[in-house]
Amino acid sequence: MPSAPPRPAGHGTAAGFTLLELLVALSVLGMLLVGLAQGMRLGLRAWEAQERMLSRQGDLVAVDRALRRLVEQMHPGSEARPARLVGGAGGMAFVTELPMAAGALPTRRAEVALLVASGRLVLRWTPRLHARSAAPPSVTETELLRGIERLELAYLHPGTAAGGGVWVSAWEEPTLPALLRIRLVFPPGDPRRWPDILAAPRAERPEE
């Protein structure tokens, strides 16, 4: 009886992938791609949230500096013209020096009002001109910050030599307070937080 022909080498071993193996590999690859895409989306969302938070913190830093400067440059008045600061718990009006960027105006001295209107921290100001003009200067409103629930102000009364100062919620004295405290209160759920702003008005009276 003739012998069977020899079997080719490698017969019985896998020479390639079967259809089932390809389907399994494609399924695994698909799950990996889905996981990578979800991870990328989460990473982008976290990055965008961080960018928004840093932007808001930057806005708060700028507002902090602006408010400190306005308070520090409050005009203390003179013997003939006392200081003009009328303040309450939620807003105040005073005379101050505008920043150097306002150099194009006839004068940098202005009468300003700081308050919260429609959820915005705004500064309303008019140049304080020495000479009377035919038409009163128009009021300019500058938005400092959005998303503010309220403003809480306090004024440090210097007190007497025998006793220390005391914080009050209103001010109508002919002189400036020793210190001002400005607190920005944000709506519930707003992640922004900022420490109280403490600033001292200048005490010396300039020459008129």
N, C-alpha and C. Protein backbone atom coordinates (compact mmCIF):
# COMPACT_ATOMS: atom_id res chain seq x y z
N MET A 1 0.85 -1.19 0.00
CA MET A 1 0.00 0.00 0.00
C MET A 1 0.88 1.24 0.00
N PRO A 2 0.63 2.16 -0.94
CA PRO A 2 1.51 3.33 -1.00
C PRO A 2 1.39 4.17 0.28
N SER A 3 2.48 4.77 0.66
CA SER A 3 2.50 5.61 1.88
C SER A 3 1.88 6.96 1.61
N ALA A 4 1.31 7.58 2.66
CA ALA A 4 0.67 8.90 2.53
C ALA A 4 1.71 9.96 2.23
N PRO A 5 1.35 10.96 1.44
CA PRO A 5 2.32 12.02 1.14
C PRO A 5 2.67 12.81 2.41
N PRO A 6 3.85 13.30 2.44
CA PRO A 6 4.27 14.05 3.65
C PRO A 6 3.45 15.33 3.83
N ARG A 7 3.13 15.68 5.07
CA ARG A 7 2.34 16.87 5.39
C ARG A 7 3.22 18.11 5.31
N PRO A 8 2.71 19.18 4.76
CA PRO A 8 3.56 20.37 4.66
C PRO A 8 3.92 20.92 6.03
N ALA A 9 5.09 21.54 6.05
CA ALA A 9 5.58 22.10 7.33
C ALA A 9 4.65 23.18 7.82
N GLY A 10 4.40 23.21 9.09
CA GLY A 10 3.55 24.25 9.69
C GLY A 10 2.09 23.95 9.59
N HIS A 11 1.70 22.84 9.07
CA HIS A 11 0.29 22.51 8.99
C HIS A 11 -0.26 22.28 10.39
N GLY A 12 -1.42 22.90 10.70
CA GLY A 12 -2.02 22.76 12.04
C GLY A 12 -1.72 23.94 12.92
N THR A 13 -0.78 24.85 12.51
CA THR A 13 -0.50 26.08 13.27
C THR A 13 -1.16 27.25 12.59
N ALA A 14 -1.43 28.31 13.32
CA ALA A 14 -2.14 29.47 12.76
C ALA A 14 -1.23 30.22 11.82
N ALA A 15 -1.58 30.32 10.58
CA ALA A 15 -0.80 31.09 9.62
C ALA A 15 -1.27 32.54 9.56
N GLY A 16 -2.37 32.95 10.24
CA GLY A 16 -2.90 34.30 10.24
C GLY A 16 -3.98 34.42 11.30
N PHE A 17 -4.67 35.62 11.33
CA PHE A 17 -5.73 35.84 12.30
C PHE A 17 -7.04 35.31 11.73
N THR A 18 -7.81 34.73 12.60
CA THR A 18 -9.14 34.31 12.20
C THR A 18 -10.09 35.49 12.28
N LEU A 19 -11.25 35.36 11.71
CA LEU A 19 -12.23 36.44 11.73
C LEU A 19 -12.63 36.80 13.15
N LEU A 20 -12.74 35.80 14.01
CA LEU A 20 -13.11 36.05 15.41
C LEU A 20 -12.03 36.85 16.11
N GLU A 21 -10.78 36.50 15.86
CA GLU A 21 -9.68 37.23 16.49
C GLU A 21 -9.63 38.67 16.01
N LEU A 22 -9.91 38.88 14.71
CA LEU A 22 -9.93 40.26 14.20
C LEU A 22 -11.05 41.07 14.84
N LEU A 23 -12.21 40.45 15.01
CA LEU A 23 -13.32 41.16 15.64
C LEU A 23 -13.00 41.52 17.08
N VAL A 24 -12.38 40.59 17.81
CA VAL A 24 -12.00 40.86 19.20
C VAL A 24 -10.99 42.01 19.26
N ALA A 25 -9.99 41.97 18.35
CA ALA A 25 -8.97 43.01 18.34
C ALA A 25 -9.59 44.37 18.02
N LEU A 26 -10.50 44.39 17.04
CA LEU A 26 -11.15 45.66 16.70
C LEU A 26 -12.01 46.18 17.85
N SER A 27 -12.68 45.28 18.57
CA SER A 27 -13.49 45.69 19.72
C SER A 27 -12.63 46.31 20.81
N VAL A 28 -11.49 45.66 21.09
CA VAL A 28 -10.58 46.19 22.11
C VAL A 28 -10.03 47.54 21.68
N LEU A 29 -9.64 47.65 20.39
CA LEU A 29 -9.13 48.92 19.89
C LEU A 29 -10.19 50.02 19.98
N GLY A 30 -11.44 49.66 19.65
CA GLY A 30 -12.51 50.64 19.75
C GLY A 30 -12.72 51.13 21.16
N MET A 31 -12.68 50.22 22.13
CA MET A 31 -12.84 50.62 23.54
C MET A 31 -11.69 51.51 23.98
N LEU A 32 -10.47 51.22 23.52
CA LEU A 32 -9.33 52.07 23.86
C LEU A 32 -9.48 53.47 23.29
N LEU A 33 -9.94 53.54 22.03
CA LEU A 33 -10.13 54.85 21.41
C LEU A 33 -11.22 55.65 22.12
N VAL A 34 -12.32 54.97 22.50
CA VAL A 34 -13.38 55.65 23.24
C VAL A 34 -12.86 56.18 24.57
N GLY A 35 -12.07 55.35 25.26
CA GLY A 35 -11.50 55.79 26.54
C GLY A 35 -10.57 56.97 26.37
N LEU A 36 -9.74 56.95 25.31
CA LEU A 36 -8.84 58.07 25.07
C LEU A 36 -9.61 59.34 24.75
N ALA A 37 -10.68 59.21 23.93
CA ALA A 37 -11.48 60.38 23.58
C ALA A 37 -12.16 60.98 24.81
N GLN A 38 -12.70 60.12 25.68
CA GLN A 38 -13.35 60.62 26.89
C GLN A 38 -12.33 61.29 27.81
N GLY A 39 -11.15 60.67 27.92
CA GLY A 39 -10.11 61.28 28.75
C GLY A 39 -9.67 62.63 28.21
N MET A 40 -9.59 62.75 26.87
CA MET A 40 -9.21 64.03 26.28
C MET A 40 -10.27 65.08 26.52
N ARG A 41 -11.55 64.69 26.39
CA ARG A 41 -12.62 65.65 26.64
C ARG A 41 -12.61 66.13 28.09
N LEU A 42 -12.41 65.18 29.02
CA LEU A 42 -12.35 65.58 30.43
C LEU A 42 -11.17 66.50 30.69
N GLY A 43 -10.04 66.18 30.06
CA GLY A 43 -8.87 67.02 30.23
C GLY A 43 -9.09 68.42 29.69
N LEU A 44 -9.73 68.54 28.52
CA LEU A 44 -10.02 69.84 27.95
C LEU A 44 -10.99 70.64 28.82
N ARG A 45 -12.01 69.94 29.36
CA ARG A 45 -12.96 70.64 30.23
C ARG A 45 -12.26 71.14 31.49
N ALA A 46 -11.39 70.31 32.07
CA ALA A 46 -10.67 70.73 33.27
C ALA A 46 -9.75 71.91 32.96
N TRP A 47 -9.11 71.87 31.80
CA TRP A 47 -8.22 72.97 31.41
C TRP A 47 -9.01 74.25 31.20
N GLU A 48 -10.17 74.15 30.52
CA GLU A 48 -11.00 75.34 30.30
C GLU A 48 -11.51 75.90 31.62
N ALA A 49 -11.91 75.01 32.54
CA ALA A 49 -12.38 75.49 33.85
C ALA A 49 -11.25 76.20 34.60
N GLN A 50 -10.04 75.65 34.51
CA GLN A 50 -8.91 76.28 35.18
C GLN A 50 -8.60 77.64 34.55
N GLU A 51 -8.70 77.72 33.22
CA GLU A 51 -8.46 78.99 32.54
C GLU A 51 -9.49 80.04 32.97
N ARG A 52 -10.75 79.62 33.08
CA ARG A 52 -11.78 80.56 33.51
C ARG A 52 -11.53 81.02 34.94
N MET A 53 -11.13 80.09 35.80
CA MET A 53 -10.85 80.45 37.18
C MET A 53 -9.68 81.41 37.27
N LEU A 54 -8.61 81.15 36.49
CA LEU A 54 -7.45 82.04 36.51
C LEU A 54 -7.82 83.42 35.97
N SER A 55 -8.69 83.44 34.95
CA SER A 55 -9.13 84.72 34.41
C SER A 55 -9.92 85.51 35.45
N ARG A 56 -10.81 84.81 36.17
CA ARG A 56 -11.58 85.49 37.21
C ARG A 56 -10.69 85.99 38.32
N GLN A 57 -9.70 85.18 38.71
CA GLN A 57 -8.78 85.61 39.75
C GLN A 57 -7.99 86.82 39.29
N GLY A 58 -7.61 86.82 37.99
CA GLY A 58 -6.92 87.99 37.47
C GLY A 58 -7.78 89.23 37.51
N ASP A 59 -9.08 89.09 37.21
CA ASP A 59 -10.00 90.22 37.31
C ASP A 59 -10.08 90.73 38.74
N LEU A 60 -10.11 89.82 39.69
CA LEU A 60 -10.20 90.22 41.10
C LEU A 60 -8.93 90.94 41.54
N VAL A 61 -7.79 90.50 41.06
CA VAL A 61 -6.53 91.19 41.39
C VAL A 61 -6.56 92.62 40.86
N ALA A 62 -7.02 92.78 39.62
CA ALA A 62 -7.09 94.12 39.03
C ALA A 62 -8.06 95.01 39.80
N VAL A 63 -9.22 94.46 40.18
CA VAL A 63 -10.20 95.24 40.94
C VAL A 63 -9.65 95.60 42.31
N ASP A 64 -8.96 94.67 42.94
CA ASP A 64 -8.35 94.93 44.25
C ASP A 64 -7.40 96.13 44.16
N ARG A 65 -6.53 96.11 43.15
CA ARG A 65 -5.57 97.21 43.00
C ARG A 65 -6.28 98.53 42.72
N ALA A 66 -7.30 98.49 41.86
CA ALA A 66 -8.01 99.72 41.52
C ALA A 66 -8.71 100.32 42.73
N LEU A 67 -9.38 99.48 43.53
CA LEU A 67 -10.09 99.99 44.70
C LEU A 67 -9.13 100.52 45.75
N ARG A 68 -8.02 99.83 45.95
CA ARG A 68 -7.03 100.32 46.92
C ARG A 68 -6.52 101.70 46.50
N ARG A 69 -6.25 101.85 45.21
CA ARG A 69 -5.70 103.12 44.76
C ARG A 69 -6.73 104.25 44.90
N LEU A 70 -7.99 103.96 44.57
CA LEU A 70 -9.01 104.98 44.70
C LEU A 70 -9.17 105.44 46.15
N VAL A 71 -9.10 104.48 47.07
CA VAL A 71 -9.22 104.84 48.50
C VAL A 71 -7.99 105.60 48.96
N GLU A 72 -6.81 105.14 48.56
CA GLU A 72 -5.58 105.80 49.00
C GLU A 72 -5.46 107.21 48.45
N GLN A 73 -6.09 107.48 47.30
CA GLN A 73 -6.03 108.80 46.69
C GLN A 73 -7.25 109.66 47.01
N MET A 74 -8.06 109.24 47.99
CA MET A 74 -9.19 110.07 48.40
C MET A 74 -8.71 111.45 48.82
N HIS A 75 -9.44 112.46 48.38
CA HIS A 75 -9.05 113.82 48.71
C HIS A 75 -9.47 114.13 50.15
N PRO A 76 -8.51 114.50 51.01
CA PRO A 76 -8.86 114.74 52.42
C PRO A 76 -9.51 116.08 52.68
N GLY A 77 -9.67 116.89 51.64
CA GLY A 77 -10.29 118.20 51.84
C GLY A 77 -9.31 119.21 52.42
N SER A 78 -9.84 120.34 52.73
CA SER A 78 -9.03 121.42 53.31
C SER A 78 -9.83 122.08 54.42
N GLU A 79 -9.22 123.06 55.06
CA GLU A 79 -9.95 123.75 56.12
C GLU A 79 -11.17 124.47 55.57
N ALA A 80 -11.04 125.00 54.35
CA ALA A 80 -12.18 125.71 53.76
C ALA A 80 -13.20 124.74 53.16
N ARG A 81 -12.70 123.62 52.63
CA ARG A 81 -13.58 122.64 51.99
C ARG A 81 -13.31 121.28 52.62
N PRO A 82 -14.15 120.81 53.53
CA PRO A 82 -13.91 119.53 54.19
C PRO A 82 -13.99 118.36 53.21
N ALA A 83 -13.51 117.25 53.67
CA ALA A 83 -13.52 116.05 52.84
C ALA A 83 -14.96 115.66 52.49
N ARG A 84 -15.13 115.16 51.26
CA ARG A 84 -16.46 114.77 50.81
C ARG A 84 -16.52 113.26 50.66
N LEU A 85 -16.82 112.60 51.74
CA LEU A 85 -17.04 111.15 51.72
C LEU A 85 -18.38 110.89 52.40
N VAL A 86 -19.30 110.38 51.63
CA VAL A 86 -20.60 109.97 52.16
C VAL A 86 -20.71 108.48 51.89
N GLY A 87 -20.67 107.69 52.94
CA GLY A 87 -20.64 106.25 52.77
C GLY A 87 -21.69 105.53 53.57
N GLY A 88 -22.21 104.47 52.99
CA GLY A 88 -23.14 103.58 53.67
C GLY A 88 -22.59 102.17 53.66
N ALA A 89 -23.42 101.22 54.05
CA ALA A 89 -22.96 99.84 54.12
C ALA A 89 -22.82 99.21 52.74
N GLY A 90 -23.53 99.75 51.73
CA GLY A 90 -23.51 99.13 50.41
C GLY A 90 -22.98 100.00 49.30
N GLY A 91 -22.48 101.18 49.61
CA GLY A 91 -21.95 102.06 48.57
C GLY A 91 -21.41 103.33 49.21
N MET A 92 -20.63 104.08 48.42
CA MET A 92 -20.08 105.32 48.94
C MET A 92 -19.77 106.26 47.78
N ALA A 93 -19.75 107.56 48.10
CA ALA A 93 -19.41 108.60 47.15
C ALA A 93 -18.30 109.44 47.77
N PHE A 94 -17.29 109.79 46.95
CA PHE A 94 -16.13 110.50 47.48
C PHE A 94 -15.40 111.19 46.33
N VAL A 95 -14.41 111.98 46.69
CA VAL A 95 -13.56 112.66 45.72
C VAL A 95 -12.20 112.00 45.76
N THR A 96 -11.65 111.68 44.57
CA THR A 96 -10.38 110.98 44.51
C THR A 96 -9.63 111.39 43.26
N GLU A 97 -8.43 110.85 43.10
CA GLU A 97 -7.63 111.09 41.91
C GLU A 97 -7.73 109.86 41.02
N LEU A 98 -8.05 110.08 39.74
CA LEU A 98 -8.12 108.99 38.79
C LEU A 98 -6.72 108.52 38.43
N PRO A 99 -6.58 107.30 37.87
CA PRO A 99 -5.26 106.81 37.50
C PRO A 99 -4.59 107.67 36.43
N MET A 100 -3.32 107.40 36.18
CA MET A 100 -2.56 108.16 35.21
C MET A 100 -3.15 108.04 33.81
N ALA A 101 -3.86 106.95 33.54
CA ALA A 101 -4.46 106.77 32.22
C ALA A 101 -5.49 107.84 31.91
N ALA A 102 -5.95 108.54 32.93
CA ALA A 102 -6.94 109.60 32.72
C ALA A 102 -6.27 110.95 32.48
N GLY A 103 -5.01 110.93 32.10
CA GLY A 103 -4.27 112.17 31.91
C GLY A 103 -4.84 113.05 30.81
N ALA A 104 -5.59 112.47 29.86
CA ALA A 104 -6.16 113.26 28.78
C ALA A 104 -7.33 114.11 29.23
N LEU A 105 -7.88 113.85 30.41
CA LEU A 105 -9.00 114.65 30.92
C LEU A 105 -8.51 116.01 31.40
N PRO A 106 -9.43 116.99 31.51
CA PRO A 106 -9.01 118.31 32.01
C PRO A 106 -8.41 118.23 33.41
N THR A 107 -8.87 117.31 34.21
CA THR A 107 -8.34 117.10 35.55
C THR A 107 -8.49 115.64 35.91
N ARG A 108 -7.57 115.13 36.72
CA ARG A 108 -7.66 113.74 37.18
C ARG A 108 -8.51 113.62 38.43
N ARG A 109 -8.82 114.75 39.06
CA ARG A 109 -9.66 114.71 40.25
C ARG A 109 -11.11 114.52 39.82
N ALA A 110 -11.79 113.62 40.50
CA ALA A 110 -13.17 113.30 40.09
C ALA A 110 -14.01 112.97 41.30
N GLU A 111 -15.29 113.20 41.15
CA GLU A 111 -16.27 112.77 42.14
C GLU A 111 -16.79 111.41 41.68
N VAL A 112 -16.63 110.41 42.53
CA VAL A 112 -16.96 109.04 42.13
C VAL A 112 -17.95 108.43 43.11
N ALA A 113 -18.67 107.45 42.63
CA ALA A 113 -19.59 106.67 43.46
C ALA A 113 -19.32 105.20 43.18
N LEU A 114 -19.11 104.43 44.22
CA LEU A 114 -18.87 102.99 44.12
C LEU A 114 -20.11 102.27 44.64
N LEU A 115 -20.67 101.39 43.81
CA LEU A 115 -21.90 100.69 44.19
C LEU A 115 -22.06 99.44 43.35
N VAL A 116 -23.05 98.63 43.71
CA VAL A 116 -23.41 97.43 42.95
C VAL A 116 -24.76 97.69 42.30
N ALA A 117 -24.83 97.50 40.97
CA ALA A 117 -26.06 97.72 40.21
C ALA A 117 -26.26 96.55 39.26
N SER A 118 -27.39 95.87 39.39
CA SER A 118 -27.73 94.73 38.52
C SER A 118 -26.64 93.68 38.50
N GLY A 119 -26.11 93.37 39.68
CA GLY A 119 -25.09 92.33 39.79
C GLY A 119 -23.73 92.75 39.29
N ARG A 120 -23.51 94.05 39.10
CA ARG A 120 -22.24 94.54 38.61
C ARG A 120 -21.65 95.54 39.60
N LEU A 121 -20.36 95.43 39.84
CA LEU A 121 -19.66 96.42 40.63
C LEU A 121 -19.25 97.55 39.68
N VAL A 122 -19.81 98.74 39.90
CA VAL A 122 -19.59 99.84 38.96
C VAL A 122 -19.03 101.05 39.70
N LEU A 123 -18.35 101.88 38.91
CA LEU A 123 -17.80 103.14 39.39
C LEU A 123 -18.39 104.23 38.50
N ARG A 124 -19.18 105.12 39.09
CA ARG A 124 -19.75 106.24 38.36
C ARG A 124 -18.98 107.50 38.75
N TRP A 125 -18.47 108.21 37.77
CA TRP A 125 -17.61 109.35 38.09
C TRP A 125 -17.80 110.50 37.11
N THR A 126 -17.52 111.68 37.62
CA THR A 126 -17.52 112.91 36.82
C THR A 126 -16.28 113.70 37.19
N PRO A 127 -15.62 114.31 36.21
CA PRO A 127 -14.46 115.16 36.53
C PRO A 127 -14.87 116.31 37.44
N ARG A 128 -14.03 116.61 38.39
CA ARG A 128 -14.32 117.72 39.30
C ARG A 128 -13.57 118.96 38.81
N LEU A 129 -14.25 119.78 38.04
CA LEU A 129 -13.65 120.95 37.44
C LEU A 129 -13.65 122.12 38.42
N HIS A 130 -12.56 122.87 38.43
CA HIS A 130 -12.49 124.04 39.32
C HIS A 130 -13.36 125.18 38.80
N ALA A 131 -13.33 125.38 37.48
CA ALA A 131 -14.14 126.45 36.89
C ALA A 131 -15.50 125.90 36.50
N ARG A 132 -16.51 126.69 36.72
CA ARG A 132 -17.86 126.28 36.36
C ARG A 132 -18.05 126.39 34.86
N SER A 133 -18.63 125.36 34.28
CA SER A 133 -18.89 125.35 32.85
C SER A 133 -20.38 125.54 32.61
N ALA A 134 -20.71 125.89 31.35
CA ALA A 134 -22.12 126.12 31.01
C ALA A 134 -22.93 124.85 31.19
N ALA A 135 -22.36 123.71 30.81
CA ALA A 135 -23.06 122.43 30.95
C ALA A 135 -22.32 121.56 31.96
N PRO A 136 -23.02 120.94 32.87
CA PRO A 136 -22.35 120.08 33.85
C PRO A 136 -21.71 118.88 33.15
N PRO A 137 -20.59 118.38 33.67
CA PRO A 137 -19.95 117.23 33.03
C PRO A 137 -20.83 115.99 33.12
N SER A 138 -20.76 115.17 32.09
CA SER A 138 -21.58 113.96 32.06
C SER A 138 -21.01 112.90 32.98
N VAL A 139 -21.90 112.03 33.42
CA VAL A 139 -21.50 110.94 34.32
C VAL A 139 -21.02 109.76 33.48
N THR A 140 -19.86 109.24 33.82
CA THR A 140 -19.31 108.07 33.15
C THR A 140 -19.42 106.87 34.08
N GLU A 141 -19.90 105.77 33.56
CA GLU A 141 -20.01 104.55 34.36
C GLU A 141 -19.01 103.52 33.86
N THR A 142 -18.18 103.03 34.76
CA THR A 142 -17.17 102.04 34.44
C THR A 142 -17.48 100.75 35.20
N GLU A 143 -17.62 99.66 34.47
CA GLU A 143 -17.87 98.37 35.10
C GLU A 143 -16.55 97.77 35.57
N LEU A 144 -16.49 97.46 36.86
CA LEU A 144 -15.28 96.87 37.43
C LEU A 144 -15.32 95.36 37.48
N LEU A 145 -16.49 94.79 37.80
CA LEU A 145 -16.58 93.34 37.96
C LEU A 145 -18.03 92.92 37.83
N ARG A 146 -18.24 91.74 37.24
CA ARG A 146 -19.58 91.18 37.10
C ARG A 146 -19.81 90.06 38.10
N GLY A 147 -21.08 89.72 38.29
CA GLY A 147 -21.41 88.61 39.17
C GLY A 147 -21.20 88.92 40.63
N ILE A 148 -21.62 90.09 41.07
CA ILE A 148 -21.48 90.52 42.46
C ILE A 148 -22.87 90.59 43.08
N GLU A 149 -23.03 89.96 44.24
CA GLU A 149 -24.33 90.02 44.92
C GLU A 149 -24.50 91.33 45.67
N ARG A 150 -23.47 91.71 46.42
CA ARG A 150 -23.55 92.98 47.15
C ARG A 150 -22.15 93.41 47.58
N LEU A 151 -22.11 94.64 48.03
CA LEU A 151 -20.88 95.24 48.53
C LEU A 151 -21.08 95.56 50.00
N GLU A 152 -20.13 95.18 50.82
CA GLU A 152 -20.20 95.46 52.26
C GLU A 152 -19.03 96.37 52.64
N LEU A 153 -19.37 97.56 53.10
CA LEU A 153 -18.37 98.56 53.44
C LEU A 153 -18.39 98.84 54.94
N ALA A 154 -17.22 99.14 55.47
CA ALA A 154 -17.10 99.54 56.87
C ALA A 154 -16.00 100.59 56.96
N TYR A 155 -16.16 101.50 57.95
CA TYR A 155 -15.28 102.65 58.09
C TYR A 155 -14.74 102.67 59.51
N LEU A 156 -13.42 102.79 59.63
CA LEU A 156 -12.80 102.80 60.95
C LEU A 156 -12.73 104.23 61.47
N HIS A 157 -13.52 104.47 62.52
CA HIS A 157 -13.48 105.77 63.19
C HIS A 157 -12.27 105.79 64.11
N PRO A 158 -11.40 106.81 63.99
CA PRO A 158 -10.17 106.79 64.80
C PRO A 158 -10.42 106.84 66.29
N GLY A 159 -11.57 107.29 66.71
CA GLY A 159 -11.85 107.34 68.15
C GLY A 159 -11.10 108.48 68.82
N THR A 160 -10.89 108.34 70.11
CA THR A 160 -10.21 109.37 70.90
C THR A 160 -8.87 108.85 71.37
N ALA A 161 -8.11 109.72 71.96
CA ALA A 161 -6.79 109.32 72.46
C ALA A 161 -6.93 108.28 73.57
N ALA A 162 -8.02 108.33 74.30
CA ALA A 162 -8.20 107.39 75.41
C ALA A 162 -8.65 106.01 74.93
N GLY A 163 -9.31 105.95 73.80
CA GLY A 163 -9.83 104.66 73.32
C GLY A 163 -9.44 104.40 71.88
N GLY A 164 -9.54 103.15 71.48
CA GLY A 164 -9.19 102.78 70.13
C GLY A 164 -10.30 103.09 69.16
N GLY A 165 -10.02 102.80 67.89
CA GLY A 165 -10.99 103.06 66.85
C GLY A 165 -12.12 102.04 66.88
N VAL A 166 -13.17 102.36 66.16
CA VAL A 166 -14.33 101.48 66.10
C VAL A 166 -14.84 101.47 64.66
N TRP A 167 -15.26 100.28 64.19
CA TRP A 167 -15.79 100.15 62.85
C TRP A 167 -17.26 100.58 62.84
N VAL A 168 -17.61 101.39 61.86
CA VAL A 168 -18.99 101.84 61.69
C VAL A 168 -19.43 101.53 60.26
N SER A 169 -20.74 101.44 60.05
CA SER A 169 -21.29 101.07 58.75
C SER A 169 -21.72 102.27 57.92
N ALA A 170 -21.55 103.49 58.43
CA ALA A 170 -21.91 104.69 57.69
C ALA A 170 -20.92 105.79 58.04
N TRP A 171 -20.73 106.72 57.10
CA TRP A 171 -19.76 107.79 57.33
C TRP A 171 -20.27 109.09 56.73
N GLU A 172 -20.34 110.14 57.56
CA GLU A 172 -20.70 111.48 57.10
C GLU A 172 -19.91 112.52 57.87
N GLU A 173 -18.67 112.19 58.18
CA GLU A 173 -17.83 113.10 58.95
C GLU A 173 -17.11 114.08 58.01
N PRO A 174 -16.66 115.22 58.54
CA PRO A 174 -15.92 116.18 57.70
C PRO A 174 -14.49 115.75 57.42
N THR A 175 -14.05 114.68 58.05
CA THR A 175 -12.72 114.12 57.80
C THR A 175 -12.87 112.69 57.26
N LEU A 176 -11.79 112.14 56.80
CA LEU A 176 -11.81 110.78 56.26
C LEU A 176 -11.60 109.76 57.37
N PRO A 177 -12.12 108.54 57.21
CA PRO A 177 -11.87 107.51 58.22
C PRO A 177 -10.41 107.08 58.21
N ALA A 178 -10.00 106.46 59.30
CA ALA A 178 -8.62 105.99 59.37
C ALA A 178 -8.38 104.82 58.44
N LEU A 179 -9.42 104.04 58.17
CA LEU A 179 -9.27 102.84 57.34
C LEU A 179 -10.62 102.49 56.76
N LEU A 180 -10.60 101.93 55.55
CA LEU A 180 -11.82 101.44 54.91
C LEU A 180 -11.69 99.94 54.69
N ARG A 181 -12.82 99.25 54.89
CA ARG A 181 -12.86 97.80 54.62
C ARG A 181 -13.90 97.56 53.53
N ILE A 182 -13.46 96.93 52.45
CA ILE A 182 -14.34 96.63 51.31
C ILE A 182 -14.44 95.12 51.18
N ARG A 183 -15.66 94.63 51.22
CA ARG A 183 -15.89 93.18 51.11
C ARG A 183 -16.78 92.93 49.89
N LEU A 184 -16.30 92.07 48.99
CA LEU A 184 -17.07 91.66 47.82
C LEU A 184 -17.79 90.36 48.13
N VAL A 185 -19.11 90.38 48.05
CA VAL A 185 -19.93 89.20 48.35
C VAL A 185 -20.46 88.66 47.03
N PHE A 186 -20.16 87.38 46.77
CA PHE A 186 -20.58 86.74 45.53
C PHE A 186 -21.85 85.93 45.75
N PRO A 187 -22.60 85.66 44.67
CA PRO A 187 -23.84 84.89 44.82
C PRO A 187 -23.57 83.47 45.31
N PRO A 188 -24.57 82.81 45.90
CA PRO A 188 -24.40 81.41 46.33
C PRO A 188 -24.03 80.53 45.13
N GLY A 189 -23.07 79.64 45.35
CA GLY A 189 -22.62 78.76 44.29
C GLY A 189 -21.47 79.29 43.48
N ASP A 190 -21.17 80.59 43.61
CA ASP A 190 -20.03 81.17 42.88
C ASP A 190 -18.75 80.74 43.58
N PRO A 191 -17.80 80.12 42.86
CA PRO A 191 -16.58 79.63 43.53
C PRO A 191 -15.60 80.72 43.90
N ARG A 192 -15.82 81.94 43.44
CA ARG A 192 -14.85 83.00 43.71
C ARG A 192 -14.89 83.43 45.18
N ARG A 193 -13.71 83.62 45.72
CA ARG A 193 -13.56 84.13 47.08
C ARG A 193 -12.44 85.15 47.07
N TRP A 194 -12.60 86.20 47.85
CA TRP A 194 -11.56 87.22 47.89
C TRP A 194 -11.49 87.81 49.29
N PRO A 195 -10.29 87.96 49.83
CA PRO A 195 -10.21 88.53 51.20
C PRO A 195 -10.64 89.99 51.21
N ASP A 196 -11.00 90.46 52.40
CA ASP A 196 -11.40 91.85 52.55
C ASP A 196 -10.28 92.78 52.09
N ILE A 197 -10.68 93.86 51.44
CA ILE A 197 -9.73 94.87 50.99
C ILE A 197 -9.65 95.95 52.05
N LEU A 198 -8.49 96.14 52.62
CA LEU A 198 -8.26 97.16 53.64
C LEU A 198 -7.34 98.22 53.05
N ALA A 199 -7.77 99.47 53.09
CA ALA A 199 -6.97 100.56 52.54
C ALA A 199 -7.17 101.80 53.39
N ALA A 200 -6.12 102.59 53.48
CA ALA A 200 -6.15 103.81 54.31
C ALA A 200 -6.12 105.03 53.41
N PRO A 201 -7.09 105.94 53.55
CA PRO A 201 -7.03 107.20 52.79
C PRO A 201 -5.85 108.03 53.25
N ARG A 202 -5.36 108.86 52.35
CA ARG A 202 -4.24 109.72 52.73
C ARG A 202 -4.72 110.76 53.74
N ALA A 203 -3.85 111.06 54.68
CA ALA A 203 -4.23 111.96 55.77
C ALA A 203 -3.79 113.40 55.52
N GLU A 204 -2.69 113.60 54.78
CA GLU A 204 -2.20 114.97 54.61
C GLU A 204 -3.09 115.74 53.63
N ARG A 205 -3.28 116.98 53.88
CA ARG A 205 -4.08 117.84 53.04
C ARG A 205 -3.20 118.56 52.05
N PRO A 206 -3.43 118.41 50.74
CA PRO A 206 -2.58 119.09 49.76
C PRO A 206 -2.87 120.58 49.74
N GLU A 207 -1.92 121.29 49.17
CA GLU A 207 -2.12 122.74 49.05
C GLU A 207 -3.12 123.02 47.94
N GLU A 208 -4.04 123.89 48.23
CA GLU A 208 -5.08 124.25 47.25
C GLU A 208 -4.55 125.33 46.32
